[in-house]
């Protein structure tokens, strides 16, 4: 039979897959305080909770796309539902890792109270509705700063009604790349990225998934509720709405010391090397932060408050 609870002792090596196999559906695997090592990525394909005691560290071998067999995931949650990953630090066994956590065809997953050390992508969500990503600290790989593989914090490729709350994301090209529709983005802190939050669309074929498929977004970021966040000290903008992103509501979001603007609503643009269509029908309310700078080059957007950028003096691009 199976067990409702399994504890993996500190110092474990390649023990997690066996623990997951041993535990019942809806059961819990506890990582004891201390270090655990996995010499290959771990796949989770049944409804379990993996929780760390305070001080639990999981070191997993995953690697970037420059390796012969392409990018790999430290933890791949795949073809299941209701998986919870909670309260442990995820590190790469050698150098910066590939994908930290992949949610693939796995609804109602939760990733919370995690610390994710530098990976190519901290958390990526593909074909997985109702993902809850809460109170995580995600540090991206900085290879992109020296011409290497790009680093991303959190990417929602296809994941309707994602809920992203209370996370801190740093060092990424895009701190959070939010696509698909009806998401919630609240109380997050993005800093020292190229762009803090980008409501956008992942181009077709951008990310190789563990099942061999190439992921791109079906929908640009639409109908997102973005409020009470902080995005500062990013090289470009704090918050960008681009590539057809529409009907998003941004309210009471703090900026500061961003390289271009705090908030930018982009028109037709070739800034990424291909046409990204104009943003439209978005609403921005500066609210509690009247000094946020806002540049609106889109269509039928509503901007209330803030410091509006004169697009005559500072043209759209």
C-alpha atoms as a PDB file:
ATOM      1  CA  UNK A   1       0.000   0.000   0.000  1.00  0.00           C
ATOM      2  CA  UNK A   2       0.886   3.655   0.022  1.00  0.00           C
ATOM      3  CA  UNK A   3       1.716   6.007   2.881  1.00  0.00           C
ATOM      4  CA  UNK A   4      -0.064   9.252   3.745  1.00  0.00           C
ATOM      5  CA  UNK A   5       3.202  10.883   4.832  1.00  0.00           C
ATOM      6  CA  UNK A   6       6.809  10.216   3.897  1.00  0.00           C
ATOM      7  CA  UNK A   7       9.790  12.110   5.324  1.00  0.00           C
ATOM      8  CA  UNK A   8      13.021  12.283   3.350  1.00  0.00           C
ATOM      9  CA  UNK A   9      15.961  12.537   5.792  1.00  0.00           C
ATOM     10  CA  UNK A  10      18.629  15.190   5.498  1.00  0.00           C
ATOM     11  CA  UNK A  11      21.572  14.257   3.325  1.00  0.00           C
ATOM     12  CA  UNK A  12      19.406  12.254   0.927  1.00  0.00           C
ATOM     13  CA  UNK A  13      20.699  11.485  -2.583  1.00  0.00           C
ATOM     14  CA  UNK A  14      18.283  10.740  -5.437  1.00  0.00           C
ATOM     15  CA  UNK A  15      15.540   9.899  -2.943  1.00  0.00           C
ATOM     16  CA  UNK A  16      12.688  12.154  -3.998  1.00  0.00           C
ATOM     17  CA  UNK A  17      11.260  10.060  -6.845  1.00  0.00           C
ATOM     18  CA  UNK A  18      11.021   7.008  -4.584  1.00  0.00           C
ATOM     19  CA  UNK A  19       9.320   9.057  -1.882  1.00  0.00           C
ATOM     20  CA  UNK A  20       6.766  10.365  -4.378  1.00  0.00           C
ATOM     21  CA  UNK A  21       6.108   6.813  -5.593  1.00  0.00           C
ATOM     22  CA  UNK A  22       5.625   5.658  -2.006  1.00  0.00           C
ATOM     23  CA  UNK A  23       3.161   8.350  -0.929  1.00  0.00           C
ATOM     24  CA  UNK A  24      -0.599   8.119  -1.531  1.00  0.00           C
ATOM     25  CA  UNK A  25      -2.632  10.426  -3.751  1.00  0.00           C
ATOM     26  CA  UNK A  26      -3.157  13.629  -1.710  1.00  0.00           C
ATOM     27  CA  UNK A  27      -0.269  12.538   0.513  1.00  0.00           C
ATOM     28  CA  UNK A  28       2.667  14.630   1.717  1.00  0.00           C
ATOM     29  CA  UNK A  29       6.400  14.247   1.209  1.00  0.00           C
ATOM     30  CA  UNK A  30       8.383  16.225   3.784  1.00  0.00           C
ATOM     31  CA  UNK A  31      11.970  17.246   3.096  1.00  0.00           C
ATOM     32  CA  UNK A  32      13.782  17.316   6.424  1.00  0.00           C
ATOM     33  CA  UNK A  33      15.849  20.372   7.305  1.00  0.00           C
ATOM     34  CA  UNK A  34      19.222  20.097   5.591  1.00  0.00           C
ATOM     35  CA  UNK A  35      20.459  19.417   2.078  1.00  0.00           C
ATOM     36  CA  UNK A  36      18.995  16.954  -0.438  1.00  0.00           C
ATOM     37  CA  UNK A  37      20.665  16.144  -3.758  1.00  0.00           C
ATOM     38  CA  UNK A  38      19.139  14.969  -7.027  1.00  0.00           C
ATOM     39  CA  UNK A  39      21.457  14.119  -9.938  1.00  0.00           C
ATOM     40  CA  UNK A  40      18.666  14.494 -12.499  1.00  0.00           C
ATOM     41  CA  UNK A  41      15.412  16.407 -12.759  1.00  0.00           C
ATOM     42  CA  UNK A  42      12.393  15.143 -10.824  1.00  0.00           C
ATOM     43  CA  UNK A  43       9.009  14.614 -12.513  1.00  0.00           C
ATOM     44  CA  UNK A  44       5.824  14.763 -10.439  1.00  0.00           C
ATOM     45  CA  UNK A  45       2.810  13.203 -12.135  1.00  0.00           C
ATOM     46  CA  UNK A  46       0.400  12.634  -9.270  1.00  0.00           C
ATOM     47  CA  UNK A  47      -1.423  14.808  -6.788  1.00  0.00           C
ATOM     48  CA  UNK A  48       0.983  15.203  -3.854  1.00  0.00           C
ATOM     49  CA  UNK A  49       2.356  17.912  -1.589  1.00  0.00           C
ATOM     50  CA  UNK A  50       6.096  18.355  -1.207  1.00  0.00           C
ATOM     51  CA  UNK A  51       6.910  20.571   1.755  1.00  0.00           C
ATOM     52  CA  UNK A  52      10.200  21.435   3.340  1.00  0.00           C
ATOM     53  CA  UNK A  53      10.946  21.812   6.987  1.00  0.00           C
ATOM     54  CA  UNK A  54      12.539  25.190   7.690  1.00  0.00           C
ATOM     55  CA  UNK A  55      16.064  25.050   6.309  1.00  0.00           C
ATOM     56  CA  UNK A  56      15.400  22.362   3.689  1.00  0.00           C
ATOM     57  CA  UNK A  57      17.487  22.745   0.523  1.00  0.00           C
ATOM     58  CA  UNK A  58      16.964  20.687  -2.639  1.00  0.00           C
ATOM     59  CA  UNK A  59      19.875  20.698  -5.092  1.00  0.00           C
ATOM     60  CA  UNK A  60      18.932  19.358  -8.514  1.00  0.00           C
ATOM     61  CA  UNK A  61      20.958  18.834 -11.668  1.00  0.00           C
ATOM     62  CA  UNK A  62      19.346  20.746 -14.524  1.00  0.00           C
ATOM     63  CA  UNK A  63      21.019  22.678 -17.274  1.00  0.00           C
ATOM     64  CA  UNK A  64      20.707  25.345 -19.921  1.00  0.00           C
ATOM     65  CA  UNK A  65      19.861  24.867 -23.585  1.00  0.00           C
ATOM     66  CA  UNK A  66      23.550  25.003 -24.521  1.00  0.00           C
ATOM     67  CA  UNK A  67      23.889  21.373 -23.387  1.00  0.00           C
ATOM     68  CA  UNK A  68      23.557  18.657 -26.099  1.00  0.00           C
ATOM     69  CA  UNK A  69      20.142  17.413 -24.962  1.00  0.00           C
ATOM     70  CA  UNK A  70      18.711  20.908 -24.496  1.00  0.00           C
ATOM     71  CA  UNK A  71      17.265  22.581 -21.464  1.00  0.00           C
ATOM     72  CA  UNK A  72      16.003  20.489 -18.547  1.00  0.00           C
ATOM     73  CA  UNK A  73      13.800  21.162 -15.511  1.00  0.00           C
ATOM     74  CA  UNK A  74      14.759  20.692 -11.892  1.00  0.00           C
ATOM     75  CA  UNK A  75      11.136  19.899 -11.001  1.00  0.00           C
ATOM     76  CA  UNK A  76       8.554  19.151 -13.706  1.00  0.00           C
ATOM     77  CA  UNK A  77       4.937  18.912 -12.550  1.00  0.00           C
ATOM     78  CA  UNK A  78       3.315  17.191 -15.495  1.00  0.00           C
ATOM     79  CA  UNK A  79      -0.116  15.810 -16.451  1.00  0.00           C
ATOM     80  CA  UNK A  80      -1.668  16.058 -13.013  1.00  0.00           C
ATOM     81  CA  UNK A  81      -3.524  18.477 -10.747  1.00  0.00           C
ATOM     82  CA  UNK A  82      -3.384  19.913  -7.251  1.00  0.00           C
ATOM     83  CA  UNK A  83       0.367  19.505  -6.673  1.00  0.00           C
ATOM     84  CA  UNK A  84       1.802  21.720  -3.920  1.00  0.00           C
ATOM     85  CA  UNK A  85       5.484  22.681  -3.673  1.00  0.00           C
ATOM     86  CA  UNK A  86       6.154  24.617  -0.505  1.00  0.00           C
ATOM     87  CA  UNK A  87       8.786  26.009   1.843  1.00  0.00           C
ATOM     88  CA  UNK A  88      12.137  24.785   0.556  1.00  0.00           C
ATOM     89  CA  UNK A  89      15.041  26.282  -1.340  1.00  0.00           C
ATOM     90  CA  UNK A  90      15.631  25.006  -4.860  1.00  0.00           C
ATOM     91  CA  UNK A  91      19.238  25.212  -5.999  1.00  0.00           C
ATOM     92  CA  UNK A  92      21.106  24.027  -9.068  1.00  0.00           C
ATOM     93  CA  UNK A  93      23.641  21.281  -8.479  1.00  0.00           C
ATOM     94  CA  UNK A  94      26.222  22.925 -10.744  1.00  0.00           C
ATOM     95  CA  UNK A  95      26.185  26.424 -12.190  1.00  0.00           C
ATOM     96  CA  UNK A  96      22.908  28.101 -13.036  1.00  0.00           C
ATOM     97  CA  UNK A  97      20.073  25.677 -13.732  1.00  0.00           C
ATOM     98  CA  UNK A  98      17.661  25.277 -16.653  1.00  0.00           C
ATOM     99  CA  UNK A  99      14.014  25.622 -15.633  1.00  0.00           C
ATOM    100  CA  UNK A 100      13.521  25.648 -11.886  1.00  0.00           C
ATOM    101  CA  UNK A 101       9.872  24.561 -11.716  1.00  0.00           C
ATOM    102  CA  UNK A 102       7.771  23.646 -14.772  1.00  0.00           C
ATOM    103  CA  UNK A 103       3.996  23.320 -14.527  1.00  0.00           C
ATOM    104  CA  UNK A 104       2.873  21.468 -17.666  1.00  0.00           C
ATOM    105  CA  UNK A 105      -0.732  20.369 -18.201  1.00  0.00           C
ATOM    106  CA  UNK A 106      -1.201  20.515 -14.433  1.00  0.00           C
ATOM    107  CA  UNK A 107      -4.103  22.526 -13.064  1.00  0.00           C
ATOM    108  CA  UNK A 108      -4.581  23.960  -9.582  1.00  0.00           C
ATOM    109  CA  UNK A 109      -0.883  23.728  -8.757  1.00  0.00           C
ATOM    110  CA  UNK A 110       0.628  25.772  -5.925  1.00  0.00           C
ATOM    111  CA  UNK A 111       4.210  26.982  -5.589  1.00  0.00           C
ATOM    112  CA  UNK A 112       4.593  28.952  -2.373  1.00  0.00           C
ATOM    113  CA  UNK A 113       7.165  30.107   0.169  1.00  0.00           C
ATOM    114  CA  UNK A 114       9.972  28.883  -2.068  1.00  0.00           C
ATOM    115  CA  UNK A 115      13.421  30.308  -2.658  1.00  0.00           C
ATOM    116  CA  UNK A 116      14.571  29.608  -6.202  1.00  0.00           C
ATOM    117  CA  UNK A 117      18.266  30.168  -6.829  1.00  0.00           C
ATOM    118  CA  UNK A 118      19.461  31.247 -10.309  1.00  0.00           C
ATOM    119  CA  UNK A 119      17.894  29.302 -13.169  1.00  0.00           C
ATOM    120  CA  UNK A 120      17.329  30.104 -16.840  1.00  0.00           C
ATOM    121  CA  UNK A 121      13.624  30.361 -15.918  1.00  0.00           C
ATOM    122  CA  UNK A 122      12.536  30.250 -12.285  1.00  0.00           C
ATOM    123  CA  UNK A 123       8.926  29.101 -12.797  1.00  0.00           C
ATOM    124  CA  UNK A 124       7.233  28.407 -16.144  1.00  0.00           C
ATOM    125  CA  UNK A 125       3.517  27.651 -16.564  1.00  0.00           C
ATOM    126  CA  UNK A 126       2.261  25.967 -19.755  1.00  0.00           C
ATOM    127  CA  UNK A 127      -1.265  24.648 -20.371  1.00  0.00           C
ATOM    128  CA  UNK A 128      -1.965  24.773 -16.636  1.00  0.00           C
ATOM    129  CA  UNK A 129      -4.958  26.731 -15.328  1.00  0.00           C
ATOM    130  CA  UNK A 130      -5.365  28.203 -11.854  1.00  0.00           C
ATOM    131  CA  UNK A 131      -1.684  28.191 -10.906  1.00  0.00           C
ATOM    132  CA  UNK A 132      -1.048  29.802  -7.506  1.00  0.00           C
ATOM    133  CA  UNK A 133       2.446  31.312  -7.170  1.00  0.00           C
ATOM    134  CA  UNK A 134       2.756  32.981  -3.789  1.00  0.00           C
ATOM    135  CA  UNK A 135       5.467  34.378  -1.519  1.00  0.00           C
ATOM    136  CA  UNK A 136       8.402  33.050  -3.522  1.00  0.00           C
ATOM    137  CA  UNK A 137      11.823  34.645  -3.947  1.00  0.00           C
ATOM    138  CA  UNK A 138      13.065  34.041  -7.499  1.00  0.00           C
ATOM    139  CA  UNK A 139      16.538  35.011  -8.682  1.00  0.00           C
ATOM    140  CA  UNK A 140      17.148  34.590 -12.407  1.00  0.00           C
ATOM    141  CA  UNK A 141      20.335  33.605 -14.196  1.00  0.00           C
ATOM    142  CA  UNK A 142      22.348  36.657 -15.248  1.00  0.00           C
ATOM    143  CA  UNK A 143      23.889  34.955 -18.301  1.00  0.00           C
ATOM    144  CA  UNK A 144      21.843  37.364 -20.445  1.00  0.00           C
ATOM    145  CA  UNK A 145      23.922  40.273 -19.156  1.00  0.00           C
ATOM    146  CA  UNK A 146      27.004  38.845 -20.870  1.00  0.00           C
ATOM    147  CA  UNK A 147      25.348  37.734 -24.109  1.00  0.00           C
ATOM    148  CA  UNK A 148      24.327  34.260 -22.952  1.00  0.00           C
ATOM    149  CA  UNK A 149      20.964  32.558 -22.533  1.00  0.00           C
ATOM    150  CA  UNK A 150      18.207  34.825 -21.301  1.00  0.00           C
ATOM    151  CA  UNK A 151      17.020  34.586 -17.717  1.00  0.00           C
ATOM    152  CA  UNK A 152      13.335  34.819 -16.763  1.00  0.00           C
ATOM    153  CA  UNK A 153      11.756  34.928 -13.331  1.00  0.00           C
ATOM    154  CA  UNK A 154       8.158  33.728 -13.787  1.00  0.00           C
ATOM    155  CA  UNK A 155       6.633  32.992 -17.211  1.00  0.00           C
ATOM    156  CA  UNK A 156       2.928  32.322 -17.773  1.00  0.00           C
ATOM    157  CA  UNK A 157       2.859  30.969 -21.335  1.00  0.00           C
ATOM    158  CA  UNK A 158      -0.626  29.419 -21.336  1.00  0.00           C
ATOM    159  CA  UNK A 159      -2.206  29.464 -17.904  1.00  0.00           C
ATOM    160  CA  UNK A 160      -5.628  31.035 -17.538  1.00  0.00           C
ATOM    161  CA  UNK A 161      -6.470  32.605 -14.164  1.00  0.00           C
ATOM    162  CA  UNK A 162      -2.976  32.419 -12.745  1.00  0.00           C
ATOM    163  CA  UNK A 163      -2.656  34.049  -9.312  1.00  0.00           C
ATOM    164  CA  UNK A 164       0.748  35.639  -8.632  1.00  0.00           C
ATOM    165  CA  UNK A 165       1.016  37.203  -5.173  1.00  0.00           C
ATOM    166  CA  UNK A 166       3.722  38.385  -2.806  1.00  0.00           C
ATOM    167  CA  UNK A 167       6.732  37.275  -4.846  1.00  0.00           C
ATOM    168  CA  UNK A 168      10.116  38.968  -5.134  1.00  0.00           C
ATOM    169  CA  UNK A 169      11.788  38.579  -8.546  1.00  0.00           C
ATOM    170  CA  UNK A 170      15.194  39.918  -9.520  1.00  0.00           C
ATOM    171  CA  UNK A 171      18.020  39.786 -12.094  1.00  0.00           C
ATOM    172  CA  UNK A 172      15.811  38.599 -14.994  1.00  0.00           C
ATOM    173  CA  UNK A 173      15.309  39.908 -18.526  1.00  0.00           C
ATOM    174  CA  UNK A 174      11.579  39.847 -17.704  1.00  0.00           C
ATOM    175  CA  UNK A 175      10.865  39.549 -13.991  1.00  0.00           C
ATOM    176  CA  UNK A 176       7.365  38.307 -14.749  1.00  0.00           C
ATOM    177  CA  UNK A 177       6.187  37.563 -18.307  1.00  0.00           C
ATOM    178  CA  UNK A 178       2.403  37.432 -18.020  1.00  0.00           C
ATOM    179  CA  UNK A 179       0.364  36.083 -20.929  1.00  0.00           C
ATOM    180  CA  UNK A 180      -3.014  34.396 -21.307  1.00  0.00           C
ATOM    181  CA  UNK A 181      -6.064  35.852 -19.582  1.00  0.00           C
ATOM    182  CA  UNK A 182      -7.848  36.634 -16.325  1.00  0.00           C
ATOM    183  CA  UNK A 183      -4.751  36.535 -14.130  1.00  0.00           C
ATOM    184  CA  UNK A 184      -4.191  38.303 -10.824  1.00  0.00           C
ATOM    185  CA  UNK A 185      -0.888  39.993 -10.017  1.00  0.00           C
ATOM    186  CA  UNK A 186      -0.798  41.591  -6.573  1.00  0.00           C
ATOM    187  CA  UNK A 187       1.755  42.643  -3.947  1.00  0.00           C
ATOM    188  CA  UNK A 188       4.803  41.551  -5.945  1.00  0.00           C
ATOM    189  CA  UNK A 189       8.215  43.237  -5.914  1.00  0.00           C
ATOM    190  CA  UNK A 190      10.306  43.166  -9.094  1.00  0.00           C
ATOM    191  CA  UNK A 191      13.696  44.861  -9.111  1.00  0.00           C
ATOM    192  CA  UNK A 192      17.034  44.835 -10.917  1.00  0.00           C
ATOM    193  CA  UNK A 193      15.548  43.185 -13.999  1.00  0.00           C
ATOM    194  CA  UNK A 194      15.539  44.487 -17.569  1.00  0.00           C
ATOM    195  CA  UNK A 195      11.726  44.798 -17.352  1.00  0.00           C
ATOM    196  CA  UNK A 196       9.828  44.184 -14.108  1.00  0.00           C
ATOM    197  CA  UNK A 197       6.426  42.980 -15.363  1.00  0.00           C
ATOM    198  CA  UNK A 198       5.587  42.533 -19.047  1.00  0.00           C
ATOM    199  CA  UNK A 199       2.016  41.856 -20.136  1.00  0.00           C
ATOM    200  CA  UNK A 200       2.715  40.365 -23.508  1.00  0.00           C
ATOM    201  CA  UNK A 201       2.626  37.232 -25.642  1.00  0.00           C
ATOM    202  CA  UNK A 202       5.268  34.495 -25.748  1.00  0.00           C
ATOM    203  CA  UNK A 203       6.102  33.954 -29.447  1.00  0.00           C
ATOM    204  CA  UNK A 204       5.438  30.512 -30.917  1.00  0.00           C
ATOM    205  CA  UNK A 205       8.186  27.994 -30.266  1.00  0.00           C
ATOM    206  CA  UNK A 206       9.956  29.968 -27.547  1.00  0.00           C
ATOM    207  CA  UNK A 207      10.242  27.393 -24.781  1.00  0.00           C
ATOM    208  CA  UNK A 208      11.034  23.670 -25.041  1.00  0.00           C
ATOM    209  CA  UNK A 209       8.842  21.708 -22.647  1.00  0.00           C
ATOM    210  CA  UNK A 210       9.754  18.430 -20.903  1.00  0.00           C
ATOM    211  CA  UNK A 211       7.390  16.508 -23.201  1.00  0.00           C
ATOM    212  CA  UNK A 212       9.264  17.757 -26.279  1.00  0.00           C
ATOM    213  CA  UNK A 213       6.670  20.337 -27.353  1.00  0.00           C
ATOM    214  CA  UNK A 214       7.566  23.959 -28.075  1.00  0.00           C
ATOM    215  CA  UNK A 215       5.486  26.478 -26.162  1.00  0.00           C
ATOM    216  CA  UNK A 216       4.108  29.828 -27.283  1.00  0.00           C
ATOM    217  CA  UNK A 217       1.105  31.765 -25.999  1.00  0.00           C
ATOM    218  CA  UNK A 218      -2.334  31.454 -27.562  1.00  0.00           C
ATOM    219  CA  UNK A 219      -3.327  34.833 -26.088  1.00  0.00           C
ATOM    220  CA  UNK A 220      -1.510  37.998 -25.203  1.00  0.00           C
ATOM    221  CA  UNK A 221      -1.948  39.173 -21.617  1.00  0.00           C
ATOM    222  CA  UNK A 222      -5.601  40.145 -21.267  1.00  0.00           C
ATOM    223  CA  UNK A 223      -8.006  40.938 -18.440  1.00  0.00           C
ATOM    224  CA  UNK A 224      -5.241  40.851 -15.813  1.00  0.00           C
ATOM    225  CA  UNK A 225      -5.803  42.587 -12.479  1.00  0.00           C
ATOM    226  CA  UNK A 226      -2.474  44.194 -11.556  1.00  0.00           C
ATOM    227  CA  UNK A 227      -2.537  46.137  -8.305  1.00  0.00           C
ATOM    228  CA  UNK A 228      -0.462  47.127  -5.271  1.00  0.00           C
ATOM    229  CA  UNK A 229       2.866  45.981  -6.706  1.00  0.00           C
ATOM    230  CA  UNK A 230       6.320  47.553  -6.550  1.00  0.00           C
ATOM    231  CA  UNK A 231       8.736  47.600  -9.499  1.00  0.00           C
ATOM    232  CA  UNK A 232      11.924  49.620  -9.131  1.00  0.00           C
ATOM    233  CA  UNK A 233      15.519  49.821 -10.357  1.00  0.00           C
ATOM    234  CA  UNK A 234      14.860  47.964 -13.608  1.00  0.00           C
ATOM    235  CA  UNK A 235      17.036  48.779 -16.637  1.00  0.00           C
ATOM    236  CA  UNK A 236      14.023  49.489 -18.862  1.00  0.00           C
ATOM    237  CA  UNK A 237      10.483  49.880 -17.513  1.00  0.00           C
ATOM    238  CA  UNK A 238       8.764  48.813 -14.334  1.00  0.00           C
ATOM    239  CA  UNK A 239       5.603  47.611 -16.098  1.00  0.00           C
ATOM    240  CA  UNK A 240       5.136  47.182 -19.871  1.00  0.00           C
ATOM    241  CA  UNK A 241       1.885  46.406 -21.698  1.00  0.00           C
ATOM    242  CA  UNK A 242       2.752  45.320 -25.262  1.00  0.00           C
ATOM    243  CA  UNK A 243       2.122  42.915 -28.154  1.00  0.00           C
ATOM    244  CA  UNK A 244      -1.640  43.157 -28.234  1.00  0.00           C
ATOM    245  CA  UNK A 245      -2.131  43.029 -24.448  1.00  0.00           C
ATOM    246  CA  UNK A 246      -5.642  44.286 -23.750  1.00  0.00           C
ATOM    247  CA  UNK A 247      -8.326  44.953 -21.162  1.00  0.00           C
ATOM    248  CA  UNK A 248      -5.847  44.877 -18.279  1.00  0.00           C
ATOM    249  CA  UNK A 249      -6.395  46.926 -15.129  1.00  0.00           C
ATOM    250  CA  UNK A 250      -3.316  48.400 -13.434  1.00  0.00           C
ATOM    251  CA  UNK A 251      -3.934  50.262 -10.185  1.00  0.00           C
ATOM    252  CA  UNK A 252      -1.877  51.546  -7.242  1.00  0.00           C
ATOM    253  CA  UNK A 253       1.418  50.208  -8.579  1.00  0.00           C
ATOM    254  CA  UNK A 254       4.651  51.739  -7.322  1.00  0.00           C
ATOM    255  CA  UNK A 255       7.610  52.526  -9.576  1.00  0.00           C
ATOM    256  CA  UNK A 256      10.853  54.402  -9.111  1.00  0.00           C
ATOM    257  CA  UNK A 257      14.344  54.559 -10.592  1.00  0.00           C
ATOM    258  CA  UNK A 258      13.407  52.604 -13.708  1.00  0.00           C
ATOM    259  CA  UNK A 259      15.536  53.251 -16.779  1.00  0.00           C
ATOM    260  CA  UNK A 260      12.760  54.482 -19.089  1.00  0.00           C
ATOM    261  CA  UNK A 261       9.294  54.792 -17.538  1.00  0.00           C
ATOM    262  CA  UNK A 262       7.492  53.291 -14.605  1.00  0.00           C
ATOM    263  CA  UNK A 263       4.565  52.172 -16.792  1.00  0.00           C
ATOM    264  CA  UNK A 264       4.506  51.958 -20.584  1.00  0.00           C
ATOM    265  CA  UNK A 265       1.517  51.108 -22.791  1.00  0.00           C
ATOM    266  CA  UNK A 266       3.121  50.353 -26.139  1.00  0.00           C
ATOM    267  CA  UNK A 267       1.820  51.000 -29.662  1.00  0.00           C
ATOM    268  CA  UNK A 268       2.852  49.074 -32.763  1.00  0.00           C
ATOM    269  CA  UNK A 269       6.539  48.383 -32.173  1.00  0.00           C
ATOM    270  CA  UNK A 270       9.550  46.604 -33.594  1.00  0.00           C
ATOM    271  CA  UNK A 271      11.660  46.960 -30.447  1.00  0.00           C
ATOM    272  CA  UNK A 272      12.082  43.182 -30.101  1.00  0.00           C
ATOM    273  CA  UNK A 273      12.968  42.735 -33.768  1.00  0.00           C
ATOM    274  CA  UNK A 274       9.476  41.839 -35.030  1.00  0.00           C
ATOM    275  CA  UNK A 275       6.116  43.591 -35.047  1.00  0.00           C
ATOM    276  CA  UNK A 276       4.323  43.555 -31.719  1.00  0.00           C
ATOM    277  CA  UNK A 277       0.811  45.002 -32.226  1.00  0.00           C
ATOM    278  CA  UNK A 278      -0.420  47.910 -30.127  1.00  0.00           C
ATOM    279  CA  UNK A 279      -1.829  47.470 -26.647  1.00  0.00           C
ATOM    280  CA  UNK A 280      -5.476  48.465 -26.295  1.00  0.00           C
ATOM    281  CA  UNK A 281      -8.375  48.994 -23.919  1.00  0.00           C
ATOM    282  CA  UNK A 282      -6.195  48.942 -20.816  1.00  0.00           C
ATOM    283  CA  UNK A 283      -6.786  51.076 -17.742  1.00  0.00           C
ATOM    284  CA  UNK A 284      -4.080  52.554 -15.528  1.00  0.00           C
ATOM    285  CA  UNK A 285      -4.838  54.355 -12.271  1.00  0.00           C
ATOM    286  CA  UNK A 286      -1.832  55.836 -10.504  1.00  0.00           C
ATOM    287  CA  UNK A 287      -3.851  56.002  -7.282  1.00  0.00           C
ATOM    288  CA  UNK A 288      -1.561  55.909  -4.265  1.00  0.00           C
ATOM    289  CA  UNK A 289       1.509  56.691  -6.412  1.00  0.00           C
ATOM    290  CA  UNK A 290       0.878  60.012  -8.209  1.00  0.00           C
ATOM    291  CA  UNK A 291       4.532  60.320  -9.238  1.00  0.00           C
ATOM    292  CA  UNK A 292       4.643  57.201 -11.427  1.00  0.00           C
ATOM    293  CA  UNK A 293       5.597  58.027 -14.987  1.00  0.00           C
ATOM    294  CA  UNK A 294       3.207  56.660 -17.610  1.00  0.00           C
ATOM    295  CA  UNK A 295       3.720  56.596 -21.371  1.00  0.00           C
ATOM    296  CA  UNK A 296       0.640  55.691 -23.418  1.00  0.00           C
ATOM    297  CA  UNK A 297       1.171  54.869 -27.098  1.00  0.00           C
ATOM    298  CA  UNK A 298      -1.632  52.329 -27.372  1.00  0.00           C
ATOM    299  CA  UNK A 299      -5.251  52.423 -28.510  1.00  0.00           C
ATOM    300  CA  UNK A 300      -8.227  53.391 -26.335  1.00  0.00           C
ATOM    301  CA  UNK A 301      -6.297  53.078 -23.087  1.00  0.00           C
ATOM    302  CA  UNK A 302      -7.474  55.072 -20.059  1.00  0.00           C
ATOM    303  CA  UNK A 303      -4.840  56.675 -17.832  1.00  0.00           C
ATOM    304  CA  UNK A 304      -5.897  58.375 -14.600  1.00  0.00           C
ATOM    305  CA  UNK A 305      -3.306  60.241 -12.553  1.00  0.00           C
ATOM    306  CA  UNK A 306       0.439  59.852 -12.658  1.00  0.00           C
ATOM    307  CA  UNK A 307       2.991  61.833 -14.609  1.00  0.00           C
ATOM    308  CA  UNK A 308       2.086  61.449 -18.278  1.00  0.00           C
ATOM    309  CA  UNK A 309       4.926  61.337 -20.794  1.00  0.00           C
ATOM    310  CA  UNK A 310       4.531  63.767 -23.713  1.00  0.00           C
ATOM    311  CA  UNK A 311       4.680  61.517 -26.779  1.00  0.00           C
ATOM    312  CA  UNK A 312       5.231  64.550 -28.964  1.00  0.00           C
ATOM    313  CA  UNK A 313       8.517  65.278 -27.236  1.00  0.00           C
ATOM    314  CA  UNK A 314       9.261  61.591 -26.549  1.00  0.00           C
ATOM    315  CA  UNK A 315       7.877  59.713 -29.578  1.00  0.00           C
ATOM    316  CA  UNK A 316       6.448  56.207 -29.552  1.00  0.00           C
ATOM    317  CA  UNK A 317       8.662  53.452 -30.891  1.00  0.00           C
END
